Amino acid sequence: MATNIRGNNDGEHGENDSYTIHGRGVVDRDTLVNEVNNGQHPNHHVVNVNGQEYVRSNPDSTESNNINKD
């Protein structure tokens, strides 16, 4: 279970094609989306943007903890 996930903004238009998880390294978007959908990272959820799924953190009061807040 990851508590700190960072989007890498490494897609063609700055979207997150991969994420970095502290202590684990870089994880591709599809893998992380599947893990979040399977409940492995309960402080995160999946959003659909223009037909693509991305991981977002559940918002809290600390902006620095939030992956590309929506």
PDB file of N, CA and C in Angstrom:
ATOM      1  N   MET A   1       0.848  -1.175   0.000  1.00  0.00           N
ATOM      2  CA  MET A   1       0.000   0.000   0.000  1.00  0.00           C
ATOM      3  C   MET A   1       0.895   1.239   0.000  1.00  0.00           C
ATOM      4  N   ALA A   2       0.711   2.064  -1.002  1.00  0.00           N
ATOM      5  CA  ALA A   2       1.509   3.287  -1.100  1.00  0.00           C
ATOM      6  C   ALA A   2       0.787   4.443  -0.426  1.00  0.00           C
ATOM      7  N   THR A   3       1.542   5.240   0.295  1.00  0.00           N
ATOM      8  CA  THR A   3       0.977   6.448   0.877  1.00  0.00           C
ATOM      9  C   THR A   3       1.454   7.680   0.129  1.00  0.00           C
ATOM     10  N   ASN A   4       2.525   7.547  -0.640  1.00  0.00           N
ATOM     11  CA  ASN A   4       3.068   8.685  -1.362  1.00  0.00           C
ATOM     12  C   ASN A   4       3.309   8.287  -2.809  1.00  0.00           C
ATOM     13  N   ILE A   5       2.423   8.725  -3.709  1.00  0.00           N
ATOM     14  CA  ILE A   5       2.534   8.441  -5.132  1.00  0.00           C
ATOM     15  C   ILE A   5       2.671   9.769  -5.859  1.00  0.00           C
ATOM     16  N   ARG A   6       3.643   9.866  -6.736  1.00  0.00           N
ATOM     17  CA  ARG A   6       3.881  11.091  -7.504  1.00  0.00           C
ATOM     18  C   ARG A   6       3.687  10.825  -8.988  1.00  0.00           C
ATOM     19  N   GLY A   7       2.919  11.679  -9.644  1.00  0.00           N
ATOM     20  CA  GLY A   7       2.783  11.603 -11.096  1.00  0.00           C
ATOM     21  C   GLY A   7       4.046  12.137 -11.748  1.00  0.00           C
ATOM     22  N   ASN A   8       4.491  11.488 -12.832  1.00  0.00           N
ATOM     23  CA  ASN A   8       5.744  11.870 -13.476  1.00  0.00           C
ATOM     24  C   ASN A   8       5.580  12.862 -14.624  1.00  0.00           C
ATOM     25  N   ASN A   9       4.351  13.185 -15.010  1.00  0.00           N
ATOM     26  CA  ASN A   9       4.106  14.132 -16.104  1.00  0.00           C
ATOM     27  C   ASN A   9       4.965  13.802 -17.317  1.00  0.00           C
ATOM     28  N   ASP A  10       5.066  12.523 -17.662  1.00  0.00           N
ATOM     29  CA  ASP A  10       5.966  12.076 -18.712  1.00  0.00           C
ATOM     30  C   ASP A  10       5.267  11.695 -20.004  1.00  0.00           C
ATOM     31  N   GLY A  11       3.986  12.001 -20.115  1.00  0.00           N
ATOM     32  CA  GLY A  11       3.252  11.724 -21.351  1.00  0.00           C
ATOM     33  C   GLY A  11       3.509  12.790 -22.392  1.00  0.00           C
ATOM     34  N   GLU A  12       3.047  12.555 -23.591  1.00  0.00           N
ATOM     35  CA  GLU A  12       3.264  13.462 -24.721  1.00  0.00           C
ATOM     36  C   GLU A  12       2.780  14.883 -24.429  1.00  0.00           C
ATOM     37  N   HIS A  13       1.696  15.006 -23.688  1.00  0.00           N
ATOM     38  CA  HIS A  13       1.125  16.320 -23.378  1.00  0.00           C
ATOM     39  C   HIS A  13       1.216  16.640 -21.883  1.00  0.00           C
ATOM     40  N   GLY A  14       2.159  16.029 -21.190  1.00  0.00           N
ATOM     41  CA  GLY A  14       2.355  16.290 -19.776  1.00  0.00           C
ATOM     42  C   GLY A  14       1.503  15.444 -18.854  1.00  0.00           C
ATOM     43  N   GLU A  15       0.732  14.511 -19.407  1.00  0.00           N
ATOM     44  CA  GLU A  15      -0.070  13.621 -18.559  1.00  0.00           C
ATOM     45  C   GLU A  15       0.843  12.586 -17.910  1.00  0.00           C
ATOM     46  N   ASN A  16       0.312  11.885 -16.937  1.00  0.00           N
ATOM     47  CA  ASN A  16       1.094  10.872 -16.220  1.00  0.00           C
ATOM     48  C   ASN A  16       0.985   9.531 -16.931  1.00  0.00           C
ATOM     49  N   ASP A  17       2.045   9.143 -17.625  1.00  0.00           N
ATOM     50  CA  ASP A  17       2.116   7.801 -18.200  1.00  0.00           C
ATOM     51  C   ASP A  17       2.733   6.839 -17.195  1.00  0.00           C
ATOM     52  N   SER A  18       3.376   7.398 -16.168  1.00  0.00           N
ATOM     53  CA  SER A  18       3.924   6.579 -15.093  1.00  0.00           C
ATOM     54  C   SER A  18       3.895   7.394 -13.805  1.00  0.00           C
ATOM     55  N   TYR A  19       4.080   6.690 -12.717  1.00  0.00           N
ATOM     56  CA  TYR A  19       4.067   7.287 -11.380  1.00  0.00           C
ATOM     57  C   TYR A  19       5.258   6.755 -10.613  1.00  0.00           C
ATOM     58  N   THR A  20       5.726   7.527  -9.645  1.00  0.00           N
ATOM     59  CA  THR A  20       6.804   7.067  -8.786  1.00  0.00           C
ATOM     60  C   THR A  20       6.251   6.835  -7.391  1.00  0.00           C
ATOM     61  N   ILE A  21       6.511   5.638  -6.868  1.00  0.00           N
ATOM     62  CA  ILE A  21       6.098   5.269  -5.521  1.00  0.00           C
ATOM     63  C   ILE A  21       7.358   5.156  -4.680  1.00  0.00           C
ATOM     64  N   HIS A  22       7.407   5.948  -3.607  1.00  0.00           N
ATOM     65  CA  HIS A  22       8.577   5.941  -2.727  1.00  0.00           C
ATOM     66  C   HIS A  22       8.848   4.524  -2.237  1.00  0.00           C
ATOM     67  N   GLY A  23      10.076   4.075  -2.396  1.00  0.00           N
ATOM     68  CA  GLY A  23      10.476   2.742  -1.957  1.00  0.00           C
ATOM     69  C   GLY A  23      10.228   1.653  -2.982  1.00  0.00           C
ATOM     70  N   ARG A  24       9.530   1.990  -4.068  1.00  0.00           N
ATOM     71  CA  ARG A  24       9.225   1.004  -5.101  1.00  0.00           C
ATOM     72  C   ARG A  24       9.771   1.415  -6.455  1.00  0.00           C
ATOM     73  N   GLY A  25       9.766   2.704  -6.723  1.00  0.00           N
ATOM     74  CA  GLY A  25      10.269   3.193  -8.002  1.00  0.00           C
ATOM     75  C   GLY A  25       9.141   3.538  -8.960  1.00  0.00           C
ATOM     76  N   VAL A  26       9.452   3.521 -10.244  1.00  0.00           N
ATOM     77  CA  VAL A  26       8.506   3.925 -11.285  1.00  0.00           C
ATOM     78  C   VAL A  26       7.561   2.773 -11.617  1.00  0.00           C
ATOM     79  N   VAL A  27       6.266   3.107 -11.700  1.00  0.00           N
ATOM     80  CA  VAL A  27       5.217   2.139 -12.034  1.00  0.00           C
ATOM     81  C   VAL A  27       4.424   2.725 -13.197  1.00  0.00           C
ATOM     82  N   ASP A  28       4.183   1.912 -14.237  1.00  0.00           N
ATOM     83  CA  ASP A  28       3.429   2.430 -15.376  1.00  0.00           C
ATOM     84  C   ASP A  28       1.963   2.657 -14.997  1.00  0.00           C
ATOM     85  N   ARG A  29       1.307   3.539 -15.741  1.00  0.00           N
ATOM     86  CA  ARG A  29      -0.053   3.965 -15.421  1.00  0.00           C
ATOM     87  C   ARG A  29      -1.028   2.794 -15.365  1.00  0.00           C
ATOM     88  N   ASP A  30      -1.011   1.917 -16.360  1.00  0.00           N
ATOM     89  CA  ASP A  30      -1.971   0.805 -16.395  1.00  0.00           C
ATOM     90  C   ASP A  30      -1.838  -0.096 -15.164  1.00  0.00           C
ATOM     91  N   THR A  31      -0.605  -0.379 -14.761  1.00  0.00           N
ATOM     92  CA  THR A  31      -0.380  -1.214 -13.579  1.00  0.00           C
ATOM     93  C   THR A  31      -0.946  -0.547 -12.335  1.00  0.00           C
ATOM     94  N   LEU A  32      -0.655   0.744 -12.172  1.00  0.00           N
ATOM     95  CA  LEU A  32      -1.121   1.442 -10.981  1.00  0.00           C
ATOM     96  C   LEU A  32      -2.639   1.587 -10.975  1.00  0.00           C
ATOM     97  N   VAL A  33      -3.240   1.850 -12.124  1.00  0.00           N
ATOM     98  CA  VAL A  33      -4.705   1.932 -12.213  1.00  0.00           C
ATOM     99  C   VAL A  33      -5.316   0.605 -11.755  1.00  0.00           C
ATOM    100  N   ASN A  34      -4.778  -0.510 -12.221  1.00  0.00           N
ATOM    101  CA  ASN A  34      -5.279  -1.827 -11.808  1.00  0.00           C
ATOM    102  C   ASN A  34      -5.128  -2.033 -10.309  1.00  0.00           C
ATOM    103  N   GLU A  35      -3.997  -1.640  -9.756  1.00  0.00           N
ATOM    104  CA  GLU A  35      -3.771  -1.796  -8.318  1.00  0.00           C
ATOM    105  C   GLU A  35      -4.760  -0.954  -7.515  1.00  0.00           C
ATOM    106  N   VAL A  36      -5.007   0.279  -7.936  1.00  0.00           N
ATOM    107  CA  VAL A  36      -5.958   1.142  -7.229  1.00  0.00           C
ATOM    108  C   VAL A  36      -7.362   0.558  -7.340  1.00  0.00           C
ATOM    109  N   ASN A  37      -7.740   0.107  -8.523  1.00  0.00           N
ATOM    110  CA  ASN A  37      -9.068  -0.498  -8.706  1.00  0.00           C
ATOM    111  C   ASN A  37      -9.238  -1.764  -7.871  1.00  0.00           C
ATOM    112  N   ASN A  38      -8.140  -2.446  -7.575  1.00  0.00           N
ATOM    113  CA  ASN A  38      -8.179  -3.657  -6.752  1.00  0.00           C
ATOM    114  C   ASN A  38      -8.057  -3.360  -5.263  1.00  0.00           C
ATOM    115  N   GLY A  39      -8.028  -2.081  -4.898  1.00  0.00           N
ATOM    116  CA  GLY A  39      -8.013  -1.700  -3.493  1.00  0.00           C
ATOM    117  C   GLY A  39      -6.652  -1.721  -2.825  1.00  0.00           C
ATOM    118  N   GLN A  40      -5.588  -1.799  -3.604  1.00  0.00           N
ATOM    119  CA  GLN A  40      -4.256  -1.892  -3.016  1.00  0.00           C
ATOM    120  C   GLN A  40      -3.739  -0.554  -2.475  1.00  0.00           C
ATOM    121  N   HIS A  41      -4.323   0.554  -2.906  1.00  0.00           N
ATOM    122  CA  HIS A  41      -3.892   1.878  -2.468  1.00  0.00           C
ATOM    123  C   HIS A  41      -5.142   2.661  -2.061  1.00  0.00           C
ATOM    124  N   PRO A  42      -5.651   2.415  -0.857  1.00  0.00           N
ATOM    125  CA  PRO A  42      -6.962   2.945  -0.465  1.00  0.00           C
ATOM    126  C   PRO A  42      -7.056   4.467  -0.363  1.00  0.00           C
ATOM    127  N   ASN A  43      -5.952   5.172  -0.324  1.00  0.00           N
ATOM    128  CA  ASN A  43      -6.006   6.630  -0.268  1.00  0.00           C
ATOM    129  C   ASN A  43      -5.991   7.260  -1.658  1.00  0.00           C
ATOM    130  N   HIS A  44      -6.260   6.458  -2.680  1.00  0.00           N
ATOM    131  CA  HIS A  44      -6.230   6.917  -4.061  1.00  0.00           C
ATOM    132  C   HIS A  44      -7.458   6.411  -4.814  1.00  0.00           C
ATOM    133  N   HIS A  45      -7.770   7.076  -5.921  1.00  0.00           N
ATOM    134  CA  HIS A  45      -8.887   6.666  -6.759  1.00  0.00           C
ATOM    135  C   HIS A  45      -8.506   6.858  -8.217  1.00  0.00           C
ATOM    136  N   VAL A  46      -9.346   6.353  -9.121  1.00  0.00           N
ATOM    137  CA  VAL A  46      -9.097   6.437 -10.553  1.00  0.00           C
ATOM    138  C   VAL A  46     -10.098   7.406 -11.169  1.00  0.00           C
ATOM    139  N   VAL A  47      -9.597   8.269 -12.064  1.00  0.00           N
ATOM    140  CA  VAL A  47     -10.456   9.177 -12.814  1.00  0.00           C
ATOM    141  C   VAL A  47     -10.294   8.877 -14.296  1.00  0.00           C
ATOM    142  N   ASN A  48     -11.344   9.147 -15.054  1.00  0.00           N
ATOM    143  CA  ASN A  48     -11.316   8.964 -16.499  1.00  0.00           C
ATOM    144  C   ASN A  48     -11.267  10.340 -17.140  1.00  0.00           C
ATOM    145  N   VAL A  49     -10.199  10.604 -17.894  1.00  0.00           N
ATOM    146  CA  VAL A  49     -10.032  11.877 -18.585  1.00  0.00           C
ATOM    147  C   VAL A  49      -9.875  11.580 -20.069  1.00  0.00           C
ATOM    148  N   ASN A  50     -10.854  12.011 -20.845  1.00  0.00           N
ATOM    149  CA  ASN A  50     -10.818  11.800 -22.302  1.00  0.00           C
ATOM    150  C   ASN A  50     -10.576  10.340 -22.674  1.00  0.00           C
ATOM    151  N   GLY A  51     -11.222   9.426 -21.945  1.00  0.00           N
ATOM    152  CA  GLY A  51     -11.125   8.008 -22.253  1.00  0.00           C
ATOM    153  C   GLY A  51      -9.916   7.300 -21.670  1.00  0.00           C
ATOM    154  N   GLN A  52      -9.069   8.007 -20.946  1.00  0.00           N
ATOM    155  CA  GLN A  52      -7.892   7.407 -20.321  1.00  0.00           C
ATOM    156  C   GLN A  52      -8.059   7.452 -18.809  1.00  0.00           C
ATOM    157  N   GLU A  53      -7.641   6.382 -18.139  1.00  0.00           N
ATOM    158  CA  GLU A  53      -7.743   6.335 -16.688  1.00  0.00           C
ATOM    159  C   GLU A  53      -6.422   6.773 -16.054  1.00  0.00           C
ATOM    160  N   TYR A  54      -6.543   7.588 -15.001  1.00  0.00           N
ATOM    161  CA  TYR A  54      -5.395   8.095 -14.274  1.00  0.00           C
ATOM    162  C   TYR A  54      -5.649   7.940 -12.781  1.00  0.00           C
ATOM    163  N   VAL A  55      -4.577   7.866 -12.018  1.00  0.00           N
ATOM    164  CA  VAL A  55      -4.661   7.746 -10.566  1.00  0.00           C
ATOM    165  C   VAL A  55      -4.590   9.138  -9.952  1.00  0.00           C
ATOM    166  N   ARG A  56      -5.451   9.358  -8.972  1.00  0.00           N
ATOM    167  CA  ARG A  56      -5.444  10.602  -8.199  1.00  0.00           C
ATOM    168  C   ARG A  56      -5.494  10.227  -6.724  1.00  0.00           C
ATOM    169  N   SER A  57      -4.897  11.046  -5.904  1.00  0.00           N
ATOM    170  CA  SER A  57      -4.999  10.824  -4.467  1.00  0.00           C
ATOM    171  C   SER A  57      -6.311  11.397  -3.971  1.00  0.00           C
ATOM    172  N   ASN A  58      -6.838  10.796  -2.920  1.00  0.00           N
ATOM    173  CA  ASN A  58      -8.012  11.360  -2.282  1.00  0.00           C
ATOM    174  C   ASN A  58      -7.574  12.664  -1.640  1.00  0.00           C
ATOM    175  N   PRO A  59      -8.250  13.770  -1.926  1.00  0.00           N
ATOM    176  CA  PRO A  59      -7.801  15.071  -1.428  1.00  0.00           C
ATOM    177  C   PRO A  59      -7.753  15.126   0.089  1.00  0.00           C
ATOM    178  N   ASP A  60      -6.751  15.837   0.561  1.00  0.00           N
ATOM    179  CA  ASP A  60      -6.669  16.141   1.982  1.00  0.00           C
ATOM    180  C   ASP A  60      -6.247  17.603   2.108  1.00  0.00           C
ATOM    181  N   SER A  61      -5.995  18.038   3.296  1.00  0.00           N
ATOM    182  CA  SER A  61      -5.704  19.452   3.519  1.00  0.00           C
ATOM    183  C   SER A  61      -4.279  19.842   3.132  1.00  0.00           C
ATOM    184  N   THR A  62      -3.437  18.877   2.768  1.00  0.00           N
ATOM    185  CA  THR A  62      -2.062  19.168   2.402  1.00  0.00           C
ATOM    186  C   THR A  62      -1.898  19.023   0.899  1.00  0.00           C
ATOM    187  N   GLU A  63      -1.856  20.134   0.186  1.00  0.00           N
ATOM    188  CA  GLU A  63      -1.806  20.096  -1.269  1.00  0.00           C
ATOM    189  C   GLU A  63      -0.639  19.282  -1.789  1.00  0.00           C
ATOM    190  N   SER A  64       0.504  19.308  -1.102  1.00  0.00           N
ATOM    191  CA  SER A  64       1.683  18.595  -1.577  1.00  0.00           C
ATOM    192  C   SER A  64       1.474  17.074  -1.583  1.00  0.00           C
ATOM    193  N   ASN A  65       0.476  16.577  -0.870  1.00  0.00           N
ATOM    194  CA  ASN A  65       0.195  15.136  -0.838  1.00  0.00           C
ATOM    195  C   ASN A  65      -0.684  14.690  -1.996  1.00  0.00           C
ATOM    196  N   ASN A  66      -1.240  15.610  -2.753  1.00  0.00           N
ATOM    197  CA  ASN A  66      -2.249  15.280  -3.747  1.00  0.00           C
ATOM    198  C   ASN A  66      -1.648  15.185  -5.141  1.00  0.00           C
ATOM    199  N   ILE A  67      -1.888  14.044  -5.832  1.00  0.00           N
ATOM    200  CA  ILE A  67      -1.433  13.850  -7.202  1.00  0.00           C
ATOM    201  C   ILE A  67      -2.343  14.663  -8.101  1.00  0.00           C
ATOM    202  N   ASN A  68      -1.810  15.640  -8.794  1.00  0.00           N
ATOM    203  CA  ASN A  68      -2.579  16.394  -9.776  1.00  0.00           C
ATOM    204  C   ASN A  68      -4.032  16.530  -9.376  1.00  0.00           C
ATOM    205  N   LYS A  69      -4.267  17.170  -8.269  1.00  0.00           N
ATOM    206  CA  LYS A  69      -5.625  17.271  -7.725  1.00  0.00           C
ATOM    207  C   LYS A  69      -6.660  17.615  -8.783  1.00  0.00           C
ATOM    208  N   ASP A  70      -7.864  17.038  -8.633  1.00  0.00           N
ATOM    209  CA  ASP A  70      -8.917  17.325  -9.601  1.00  0.00           C
ATOM    210  C   ASP A  70     -10.016  18.154  -8.999  1.00  0.00           C
TER     211      ASP A  70
END
